[in-house]
Amino acid sequence: RLQQALAHWGVQAGDRVAAYMPNMPETVIAMLAATSLGA
């Protein structure tokens, strides 16, 4: 779901996704979704 959302917002390989976050599941999800796209 987050991968699709990131792509919808224009995230492509080489872009950066930043997390200002605690050590919680959503942070893991964000990392995996971003890197799945090559971000």
PDB file of all heavy atoms in Angstrom:
ATOM      1  N   ARG A   1       0.835  -1.215   0.000  1.00  0.00           N
ATOM      2  CA  ARG A   1       0.000   0.000   0.000  1.00  0.00           C
ATOM      3  C   ARG A   1       0.863   1.256   0.000  1.00  0.00           C
ATOM      4  O   ARG A   1       0.600   2.199  -0.752  1.00  0.00           O
ATOM      5  CB  ARG A   1      -0.932  -0.013   1.216  1.00  0.00           C
ATOM      6  CG  ARG A   1      -1.950  -1.150   1.192  1.00  0.00           C
ATOM      7  CD  ARG A   1      -2.727  -1.207   2.488  1.00  0.00           C
ATOM      8  NE  ARG A   1      -3.641  -0.081   2.604  1.00  0.00           N
ATOM      9  CZ  ARG A   1      -3.946   0.528   3.752  1.00  0.00           C
ATOM     10  NH1 ARG A   1      -3.366   0.145   4.879  1.00  0.00           N
ATOM     11  NH2 ARG A   1      -4.793   1.532   3.763  1.00  0.00           N
ATOM     12  N   LEU A   2       1.902   1.280   0.841  1.00  0.00           N
ATOM     13  CA  LEU A   2       2.749   2.466   0.882  1.00  0.00           C
ATOM     14  C   LEU A   2       3.578   2.580  -0.393  1.00  0.00           C
ATOM     15  O   LEU A   2       3.817   3.693  -0.883  1.00  0.00           O
ATOM     16  CB  LEU A   2       3.663   2.440   2.110  1.00  0.00           C
ATOM     17  CG  LEU A   2       4.561   3.679   2.280  1.00  0.00           C
ATOM     18  CD1 LEU A   2       3.734   4.970   2.338  1.00  0.00           C
ATOM     19  CD2 LEU A   2       5.435   3.562   3.513  1.00  0.00           C
ATOM     20  N   GLN A   3       3.999   1.456  -0.950  1.00  0.00           N
ATOM     21  CA  GLN A   3       4.735   1.508  -2.213  1.00  0.00           C
ATOM     22  C   GLN A   3       3.899   2.203  -3.293  1.00  0.00           C
ATOM     23  O   GLN A   3       4.395   3.069  -4.030  1.00  0.00           O
ATOM     24  CB  GLN A   3       5.091   0.088  -2.669  1.00  0.00           C
ATOM     25  CG  GLN A   3       5.856   0.039  -3.987  1.00  0.00           C
ATOM     26  CD  GLN A   3       5.931  -1.359  -4.560  1.00  0.00           C
ATOM     27  OE1 GLN A   3       4.903  -1.956  -4.910  1.00  0.00           O
ATOM     28  NE2 GLN A   3       7.139  -1.898  -4.656  1.00  0.00           N
ATOM     29  N   GLN A   4       2.643   1.821  -3.386  1.00  0.00           N
ATOM     30  CA  GLN A   4       1.761   2.443  -4.381  1.00  0.00           C
ATOM     31  C   GLN A   4       1.585   3.929  -4.107  1.00  0.00           C
ATOM     32  O   GLN A   4       1.566   4.752  -5.035  1.00  0.00           O
ATOM     33  CB  GLN A   4       0.407   1.743  -4.380  1.00  0.00           C
ATOM     34  CG  GLN A   4       0.453   0.299  -4.828  1.00  0.00           C
ATOM     35  CD  GLN A   4      -0.894  -0.377  -4.634  1.00  0.00           C
ATOM     36  OE1 GLN A   4      -1.886   0.005  -5.257  1.00  0.00           O
ATOM     37  NE2 GLN A   4      -0.939  -1.382  -3.754  1.00  0.00           N
ATOM     38  N   ALA A   5       1.446   4.279  -2.826  1.00  0.00           N
ATOM     39  CA  ALA A   5       1.278   5.687  -2.469  1.00  0.00           C
ATOM     40  C   ALA A   5       2.528   6.489  -2.827  1.00  0.00           C
ATOM     41  O   ALA A   5       2.437   7.592  -3.395  1.00  0.00           O
ATOM     42  CB  ALA A   5       0.969   5.820  -0.985  1.00  0.00           C
ATOM     43  N   LEU A   6       3.697   5.955  -2.528  1.00  0.00           N
ATOM     44  CA  LEU A   6       4.941   6.656  -2.860  1.00  0.00           C
ATOM     45  C   LEU A   6       5.056   6.877  -4.359  1.00  0.00           C
ATOM     46  O   LEU A   6       5.436   7.969  -4.818  1.00  0.00           O
ATOM     47  CB  LEU A   6       6.145   5.858  -2.348  1.00  0.00           C
ATOM     48  CG  LEU A   6       6.332   5.776  -0.829  1.00  0.00           C
ATOM     49  CD1 LEU A   6       7.480   4.828  -0.492  1.00  0.00           C
ATOM     50  CD2 LEU A   6       6.577   7.148  -0.218  1.00  0.00           C
ATOM     51  N   ALA A   7       4.719   5.840  -5.137  1.00  0.00           N
ATOM     52  CA  ALA A   7       4.763   5.985  -6.589  1.00  0.00           C
ATOM     53  C   ALA A   7       3.766   7.042  -7.051  1.00  0.00           C
ATOM     54  O   ALA A   7       4.056   7.849  -7.955  1.00  0.00           O
ATOM     55  CB  ALA A   7       4.475   4.638  -7.254  1.00  0.00           C
ATOM     56  N   HIS A   8       2.597   7.074  -6.425  1.00  0.00           N
ATOM     57  CA  HIS A   8       1.584   8.088  -6.758  1.00  0.00           C
ATOM     58  C   HIS A   8       2.100   9.497  -6.472  1.00  0.00           C
ATOM     59  O   HIS A   8       1.774  10.440  -7.204  1.00  0.00           O
ATOM     60  CB  HIS A   8       0.315   7.805  -5.949  1.00  0.00           C
ATOM     61  CG  HIS A   8      -0.759   8.828  -6.120  1.00  0.00           C
ATOM     62  ND1 HIS A   8      -1.511   8.946  -7.275  1.00  0.00           N
ATOM     63  CD2 HIS A   8      -1.208   9.802  -5.276  1.00  0.00           C
ATOM     64  CE1 HIS A   8      -2.378   9.935  -7.143  1.00  0.00           C
ATOM     65  NE2 HIS A   8      -2.217  10.476  -5.937  1.00  0.00           N
ATOM     66  N   TRP A   9       2.910   9.635  -5.444  1.00  0.00           N
ATOM     67  CA  TRP A   9       3.463  10.950  -5.104  1.00  0.00           C
ATOM     68  C   TRP A   9       4.717  11.282  -5.908  1.00  0.00           C
ATOM     69  O   TRP A   9       5.374  12.285  -5.654  1.00  0.00           O
ATOM     70  CB  TRP A   9       3.783  11.001  -3.607  1.00  0.00           C
ATOM     71  CG  TRP A   9       2.556  10.836  -2.742  1.00  0.00           C
ATOM     72  CD1 TRP A   9       1.301  11.285  -2.994  1.00  0.00           C
ATOM     73  CD2 TRP A   9       2.482  10.142  -1.493  1.00  0.00           C
ATOM     74  NE1 TRP A   9       0.439  10.919  -1.990  1.00  0.00           N
ATOM     75  CE2 TRP A   9       1.138  10.220  -1.048  1.00  0.00           C
ATOM     76  CE3 TRP A   9       3.412   9.450  -0.704  1.00  0.00           C
ATOM     77  CZ2 TRP A   9       0.702   9.643   0.143  1.00  0.00           C
ATOM     78  CZ3 TRP A   9       2.981   8.883   0.486  1.00  0.00           C
ATOM     79  CH2 TRP A   9       1.646   8.975   0.903  1.00  0.00           C
ATOM     80  N   GLY A  10       5.063  10.417  -6.830  1.00  0.00           N
ATOM     81  CA  GLY A  10       6.164  10.719  -7.743  1.00  0.00           C
ATOM     82  C   GLY A  10       7.516  10.186  -7.328  1.00  0.00           C
ATOM     83  O   GLY A  10       8.530  10.547  -7.929  1.00  0.00           O
ATOM     84  N   VAL A  11       7.555   9.324  -6.317  1.00  0.00           N
ATOM     85  CA  VAL A  11       8.841   8.791  -5.877  1.00  0.00           C
ATOM     86  C   VAL A  11       9.353   7.781  -6.895  1.00  0.00           C
ATOM     87  O   VAL A  11       8.643   6.843  -7.275  1.00  0.00           O
ATOM     88  CB  VAL A  11       8.722   8.130  -4.484  1.00  0.00           C
ATOM     89  CG1 VAL A  11      10.028   7.438  -4.099  1.00  0.00           C
ATOM     90  CG2 VAL A  11       8.359   9.179  -3.440  1.00  0.00           C
ATOM     91  N   GLN A  12      10.583   7.972  -7.322  1.00  0.00           N
ATOM     92  CA  GLN A  12      11.226   7.093  -8.291  1.00  0.00           C
ATOM     93  C   GLN A  12      12.580   6.651  -7.758  1.00  0.00           C
ATOM     94  O   GLN A  12      13.052   7.146  -6.733  1.00  0.00           O
ATOM     95  CB  GLN A  12      11.411   7.836  -9.626  1.00  0.00           C
ATOM     96  CG  GLN A  12      10.135   8.343 -10.250  1.00  0.00           C
ATOM     97  CD  GLN A  12      10.394   9.153 -11.498  1.00  0.00           C
ATOM     98  OE1 GLN A  12      11.540   9.325 -11.914  1.00  0.00           O
ATOM     99  NE2 GLN A  12       9.336   9.670 -12.107  1.00  0.00           N
ATOM    100  N   ALA A  13      13.194   5.716  -8.477  1.00  0.00           N
ATOM    101  CA  ALA A  13      14.532   5.278  -8.110  1.00  0.00           C
ATOM    102  C   ALA A  13      15.467   6.478  -8.030  1.00  0.00           C
ATOM    103  O   ALA A  13      15.486   7.322  -8.926  1.00  0.00           O
ATOM    104  CB  ALA A  13      15.058   4.269  -9.131  1.00  0.00           C
ATOM    105  N   GLY A  14      16.216   6.553  -6.934  1.00  0.00           N
ATOM    106  CA  GLY A  14      17.152   7.659  -6.741  1.00  0.00           C
ATOM    107  C   GLY A  14      16.608   8.793  -5.900  1.00  0.00           C
ATOM    108  O   GLY A  14      17.383   9.602  -5.379  1.00  0.00           O
ATOM    109  N   ASP A  15      15.261   8.880  -5.760  1.00  0.00           N
ATOM    110  CA  ASP A  15      14.688   9.880  -4.855  1.00  0.00           C
ATOM    111  C   ASP A  15      14.943   9.468  -3.412  1.00  0.00           C
ATOM    112  O   ASP A  15      15.284   8.313  -3.120  1.00  0.00           O
ATOM    113  CB  ASP A  15      13.182  10.012  -5.090  1.00  0.00           C
ATOM    114  CG  ASP A  15      12.848  10.733  -6.382  1.00  0.00           C
ATOM    115  OD1 ASP A  15      13.692  11.524  -6.848  1.00  0.00           O
ATOM    116  OD2 ASP A  15      11.753  10.493  -6.925  1.00  0.00           O
ATOM    117  N   ARG A  16      14.765  10.424  -2.502  1.00  0.00           N
ATOM    118  CA  ARG A  16      14.945  10.131  -1.083  1.00  0.00           C
ATOM    119  C   ARG A  16      13.604  10.146  -0.350  1.00  0.00           C
ATOM    120  O   ARG A  16      12.751  11.003  -0.600  1.00  0.00           O
ATOM    121  CB  ARG A  16      15.875  11.166  -0.421  1.00  0.00           C
ATOM    122  CG  ARG A  16      17.332  10.779  -0.428  1.00  0.00           C
ATOM    123  CD  ARG A  16      18.018  11.032  -1.735  1.00  0.00           C
ATOM    124  NE  ARG A  16      18.135  12.442  -2.030  1.00  0.00           N
ATOM    125  CZ  ARG A  16      18.536  12.918  -3.208  1.00  0.00           C
ATOM    126  NH1 ARG A  16      18.851  12.094  -4.193  1.00  0.00           N
ATOM    127  NH2 ARG A  16      18.624  14.210  -3.423  1.00  0.00           N
ATOM    128  N   VAL A  17      13.447   9.196   0.559  1.00  0.00           N
ATOM    129  CA  VAL A  17      12.310   9.144   1.478  1.00  0.00           C
ATOM    130  C   VAL A  17      12.889   9.213   2.887  1.00  0.00           C
ATOM    131  O   VAL A  17      13.780   8.432   3.234  1.00  0.00           O
ATOM    132  CB  VAL A  17      11.486   7.858   1.296  1.00  0.00           C
ATOM    133  CG1 VAL A  17      10.413   7.748   2.376  1.00  0.00           C
ATOM    134  CG2 VAL A  17      10.853   7.822  -0.094  1.00  0.00           C
ATOM    135  N   ALA A  18      12.399  10.153   3.685  1.00  0.00           N
ATOM    136  CA  ALA A  18      12.950  10.368   5.026  1.00  0.00           C
ATOM    137  C   ALA A  18      11.923  10.020   6.089  1.00  0.00           C
ATOM    138  O   ALA A  18      10.723  10.264   5.924  1.00  0.00           O
ATOM    139  CB  ALA A  18      13.386  11.827   5.189  1.00  0.00           C
ATOM    140  N   ALA A  19      12.405   9.463   7.190  1.00  0.00           N
ATOM    141  CA  ALA A  19      11.553   9.133   8.328  1.00  0.00           C
ATOM    142  C   ALA A  19      12.079   9.846   9.569  1.00  0.00           C
ATOM    143  O   ALA A  19      13.248   9.682   9.922  1.00  0.00           O
ATOM    144  CB  ALA A  19      11.519   7.631   8.552  1.00  0.00           C
ATOM    145  N   TYR A  20      11.215  10.616  10.194  1.00  0.00           N
ATOM    146  CA  TYR A  20      11.507  11.293  11.460  1.00  0.00           C
ATOM    147  C   TYR A  20      10.656  10.562  12.487  1.00  0.00           C
ATOM    148  O   TYR A  20       9.604  11.028  12.880  1.00  0.00           O
ATOM    149  CB  TYR A  20      11.129  12.764  11.309  1.00  0.00           C
ATOM    150  CG  TYR A  20      11.399  13.693  12.471  1.00  0.00           C
ATOM    151  CD1 TYR A  20      12.395  13.459  13.397  1.00  0.00           C
ATOM    152  CD2 TYR A  20      10.635  14.857  12.606  1.00  0.00           C
ATOM    153  CE1 TYR A  20      12.627  14.338  14.444  1.00  0.00           C
ATOM    154  CE2 TYR A  20      10.863  15.757  13.639  1.00  0.00           C
ATOM    155  CZ  TYR A  20      11.849  15.491  14.556  1.00  0.00           C
ATOM    156  OH  TYR A  20      12.069  16.377  15.594  1.00  0.00           O
ATOM    157  N   MET A  21      11.131   9.381  12.880  1.00  0.00           N
ATOM    158  CA  MET A  21      10.236   8.389  13.461  1.00  0.00           C
ATOM    159  C   MET A  21      10.842   7.632  14.630  1.00  0.00           C
ATOM    160  O   MET A  21      12.055   7.456  14.721  1.00  0.00           O
ATOM    161  CB  MET A  21       9.869   7.366  12.378  1.00  0.00           C
ATOM    162  CG  MET A  21       8.900   7.875  11.318  1.00  0.00           C
ATOM    163  SD  MET A  21       7.198   7.937  11.931  1.00  0.00           S
ATOM    164  CE  MET A  21       6.795   6.197  12.018  1.00  0.00           C
ATOM    165  N   PRO A  22       9.955   7.083  15.495  1.00  0.00           N
ATOM    166  CA  PRO A  22      10.400   6.098  16.483  1.00  0.00           C
ATOM    167  C   PRO A  22      10.731   4.777  15.795  1.00  0.00           C
ATOM    168  O   PRO A  22      10.449   4.580  14.604  1.00  0.00           O
ATOM    169  CB  PRO A  22       9.175   5.940  17.401  1.00  0.00           C
ATOM    170  CG  PRO A  22       8.253   7.066  17.057  1.00  0.00           C
ATOM    171  CD  PRO A  22       8.533   7.413  15.634  1.00  0.00           C
ATOM    172  N   ASN A  23      11.282   3.860  16.563  1.00  0.00           N
ATOM    173  CA  ASN A  23      11.584   2.511  16.075  1.00  0.00           C
ATOM    174  C   ASN A  23      10.316   1.673  16.171  1.00  0.00           C
ATOM    175  O   ASN A  23      10.116   0.919  17.114  1.00  0.00           O
ATOM    176  CB  ASN A  23      12.716   1.913  16.917  1.00  0.00           C
ATOM    177  CG  ASN A  23      13.055   0.501  16.510  1.00  0.00           C
ATOM    178  OD1 ASN A  23      12.781   0.081  15.392  1.00  0.00           O
ATOM    179  ND2 ASN A  23      13.653  -0.249  17.424  1.00  0.00           N
ATOM    180  N   MET A  24       9.455   1.781  15.152  1.00  0.00           N
ATOM    181  CA  MET A  24       8.140   1.143  15.181  1.00  0.00           C
ATOM    182  C   MET A  24       7.830   0.541  13.809  1.00  0.00           C
ATOM    183  O   MET A  24       8.543   0.811  12.828  1.00  0.00           O
ATOM    184  CB  MET A  24       7.075   2.149  15.607  1.00  0.00           C
ATOM    185  CG  MET A  24       6.899   3.331  14.682  1.00  0.00           C
ATOM    186  SD  MET A  24       5.745   4.583  15.338  1.00  0.00           S
ATOM    187  CE  MET A  24       4.210   3.634  15.478  1.00  0.00           C
ATOM    188  N   PRO A  25       6.784  -0.263  13.675  1.00  0.00           N
ATOM    189  CA  PRO A  25       6.528  -0.955  12.412  1.00  0.00           C
ATOM    190  C   PRO A  25       6.385  -0.038  11.207  1.00  0.00           C
ATOM    191  O   PRO A  25       6.840  -0.387  10.110  1.00  0.00           O
ATOM    192  CB  PRO A  25       5.224  -1.707  12.701  1.00  0.00           C
ATOM    193  CG  PRO A  25       5.281  -1.995  14.161  1.00  0.00           C
ATOM    194  CD  PRO A  25       5.910  -0.773  14.765  1.00  0.00           C
ATOM    195  N   GLU A  26       5.753   1.117  11.371  1.00  0.00           N
ATOM    196  CA  GLU A  26       5.581   2.002  10.226  1.00  0.00           C
ATOM    197  C   GLU A  26       6.915   2.472   9.656  1.00  0.00           C
ATOM    198  O   GLU A  26       7.025   2.732   8.453  1.00  0.00           O
ATOM    199  CB  GLU A  26       4.715   3.204  10.616  1.00  0.00           C
ATOM    200  CG  GLU A  26       3.229   2.909  10.715  1.00  0.00           C
ATOM    201  CD  GLU A  26       2.829   2.167  11.982  1.00  0.00           C
ATOM    202  OE1 GLU A  26       3.702   1.955  12.866  1.00  0.00           O
ATOM    203  OE2 GLU A  26       1.652   1.784  12.099  1.00  0.00           O
ATOM    204  N   THR A  27       7.931   2.580  10.486  1.00  0.00           N
ATOM    205  CA  THR A  27       9.256   2.961  10.004  1.00  0.00           C
ATOM    206  C   THR A  27       9.845   1.843   9.154  1.00  0.00           C
ATOM    207  O   THR A  27      10.466   2.089   8.111  1.00  0.00           O
ATOM    208  CB  THR A  27      10.190   3.279  11.182  1.00  0.00           C
ATOM    209  OG1 THR A  27       9.482   4.034  12.161  1.00  0.00           O
ATOM    210  CG2 THR A  27      11.404   4.065  10.711  1.00  0.00           C
ATOM    211  N   VAL A  28       9.669   0.615   9.583  1.00  0.00           N
ATOM    212  CA  VAL A  28      10.130  -0.536   8.802  1.00  0.00           C
ATOM    213  C   VAL A  28       9.396  -0.587   7.469  1.00  0.00           C
ATOM    214  O   VAL A  28      10.002  -0.794   6.405  1.00  0.00           O
ATOM    215  CB  VAL A  28       9.900  -1.844   9.589  1.00  0.00           C
ATOM    216  CG1 VAL A  28      10.441  -3.034   8.805  1.00  0.00           C
ATOM    217  CG2 VAL A  28      10.539  -1.771  10.966  1.00  0.00           C
ATOM    218  N   ILE A  29       8.091  -0.392   7.509  1.00  0.00           N
ATOM    219  CA  ILE A  29       7.282  -0.398   6.289  1.00  0.00           C
ATOM    220  C   ILE A  29       7.756   0.693   5.332  1.00  0.00           C
ATOM    221  O   ILE A  29       7.880   0.469   4.118  1.00  0.00           O
ATOM    222  CB  ILE A  29       5.791  -0.207   6.649  1.00  0.00           C
ATOM    223  CG1 ILE A  29       5.278  -1.432   7.409  1.00  0.00           C
ATOM    224  CG2 ILE A  29       4.949   0.069   5.407  1.00  0.00           C
ATOM    225  CD1 ILE A  29       3.971  -1.187   8.157  1.00  0.00           C
ATOM    226  N   ALA A  30       8.052   1.868   5.867  1.00  0.00           N
ATOM    227  CA  ALA A  30       8.520   2.979   5.028  1.00  0.00           C
ATOM    228  C   ALA A  30       9.842   2.642   4.362  1.00  0.00           C
ATOM    229  O   ALA A  30      10.047   2.911   3.161  1.00  0.00           O
ATOM    230  CB  ALA A  30       8.662   4.244   5.868  1.00  0.00           C
ATOM    231  N   MET A  31      10.761   2.041   5.119  1.00  0.00           N
ATOM    232  CA  MET A  31      12.050   1.680   4.536  1.00  0.00           C
ATOM    233  C   MET A  31      11.885   0.657   3.424  1.00  0.00           C
ATOM    234  O   MET A  31      12.465   0.774   2.333  1.00  0.00           O
ATOM    235  CB  MET A  31      12.976   1.140   5.628  1.00  0.00           C
ATOM    236  CG  MET A  31      14.373   0.739   5.151  1.00  0.00           C
ATOM    237  SD  MET A  31      14.467  -0.939   4.464  1.00  0.00           S
ATOM    238  CE  MET A  31      14.299  -1.901   5.965  1.00  0.00           C
ATOM    239  N   LEU A  32      11.071  -0.362   3.666  1.00  0.00           N
ATOM    240  CA  LEU A  32      10.893  -1.421   2.674  1.00  0.00           C
ATOM    241  C   LEU A  32      10.166  -0.907   1.437  1.00  0.00           C
ATOM    242  O   LEU A  32      10.527  -1.260   0.300  1.00  0.00           O
ATOM    243  CB  LEU A  32      10.124  -2.588   3.297  1.00  0.00           C
ATOM    244  CG  LEU A  32      10.881  -3.369   4.381  1.00  0.00           C
ATOM    245  CD1 LEU A  32       9.937  -4.302   5.129  1.00  0.00           C
ATOM    246  CD2 LEU A  32      12.035  -4.159   3.784  1.00  0.00           C
ATOM    247  N   ALA A  33       9.157  -0.077   1.627  1.00  0.00           N
ATOM    248  CA  ALA A  33       8.427   0.467   0.478  1.00  0.00           C
ATOM    249  C   ALA A  33       9.323   1.364  -0.359  1.00  0.00           C
ATOM    250  O   ALA A  33       9.314   1.308  -1.596  1.00  0.00           O
ATOM    251  CB  ALA A  33       7.197   1.232   0.958  1.00  0.00           C
ATOM    252  N   ALA A  34      10.108   2.203   0.301  1.00  0.00           N
ATOM    253  CA  ALA A  34      10.995   3.113  -0.432  1.00  0.00           C
ATOM    254  C   ALA A  34      12.043   2.335  -1.210  1.00  0.00           C
ATOM    255  O   ALA A  34      12.250   2.565  -2.415  1.00  0.00           O
ATOM    256  CB  ALA A  34      11.664   4.083   0.542  1.00  0.00           C
ATOM    257  N   THR A  35      12.697   1.394  -0.557  1.00  0.00           N
ATOM    258  CA  THR A  35      13.790   0.674  -1.227  1.00  0.00           C
ATOM    259  C   THR A  35      13.266  -0.318  -2.265  1.00  0.00           C
ATOM    260  O   THR A  35      13.984  -0.675  -3.197  1.00  0.00           O
ATOM    261  CB  THR A  35      14.694  -0.031  -0.204  1.00  0.00           C
ATOM    262  OG1 THR A  35      13.915  -0.916   0.608  1.00  0.00           O
ATOM    263  CG2 THR A  35      15.381   0.984   0.697  1.00  0.00           C
ATOM    264  N   SER A  36      12.011  -0.755  -2.129  1.00  0.00           N
ATOM    265  CA  SER A  36      11.442  -1.623  -3.165  1.00  0.00           C
ATOM    266  C   SER A  36      11.349  -0.889  -4.502  1.00  0.00           C
ATOM    267  O   SER A  36      11.444  -1.504  -5.567  1.00  0.00           O
ATOM    268  CB  SER A  36      10.055  -2.128  -2.744  1.00  0.00           C
ATOM    269  OG  SER A  36       9.090  -1.082  -2.771  1.00  0.00           O
ATOM    270  N   LEU A  37      11.182   0.428  -4.448  1.00  0.00           N
ATOM    271  CA  LEU A  37      11.115   1.260  -5.651  1.00  0.00           C
ATOM    272  C   LEU A  37      12.489   1.697  -6.142  1.00  0.00           C
ATOM    273  O   LEU A  37      12.601   2.318  -7.195  1.00  0.00           O
ATOM    274  CB  LEU A  37      10.274   2.514  -5.371  1.00  0.00           C
ATOM    275  CG  LEU A  37       8.789   2.309  -5.108  1.00  0.00           C
ATOM    276  CD1 LEU A  37       8.168   3.592  -4.568  1.00  0.00           C
ATOM    277  CD2 LEU A  37       8.074   1.851  -6.376  1.00  0.00           C
ATOM    278  N   GLY A  38      13.520   1.407  -5.358  1.00  0.00           N
ATOM    279  CA  GLY A  38      14.848   1.908  -5.692  1.00  0.00           C
ATOM    280  C   GLY A  38      15.115   3.287  -5.130  1.00  0.00           C
ATOM    281  O   GLY A  38      16.123   3.920  -5.471  1.00  0.00           O
ATOM    282  N   ALA A  39      14.204   3.789  -4.263  1.00  0.00           N
ATOM    283  CA  ALA A  39      14.449   5.063  -3.590  1.00  0.00           C
ATOM    284  C   ALA A  39      15.451   4.845  -2.456  1.00  0.00           C
ATOM    285  O   ALA A  39      15.687   3.716  -2.007  1.00  0.00           O
ATOM    286  CB  ALA A  39      13.157   5.653  -3.050  1.00  0.00           C
TER     287      ALA A  39
END
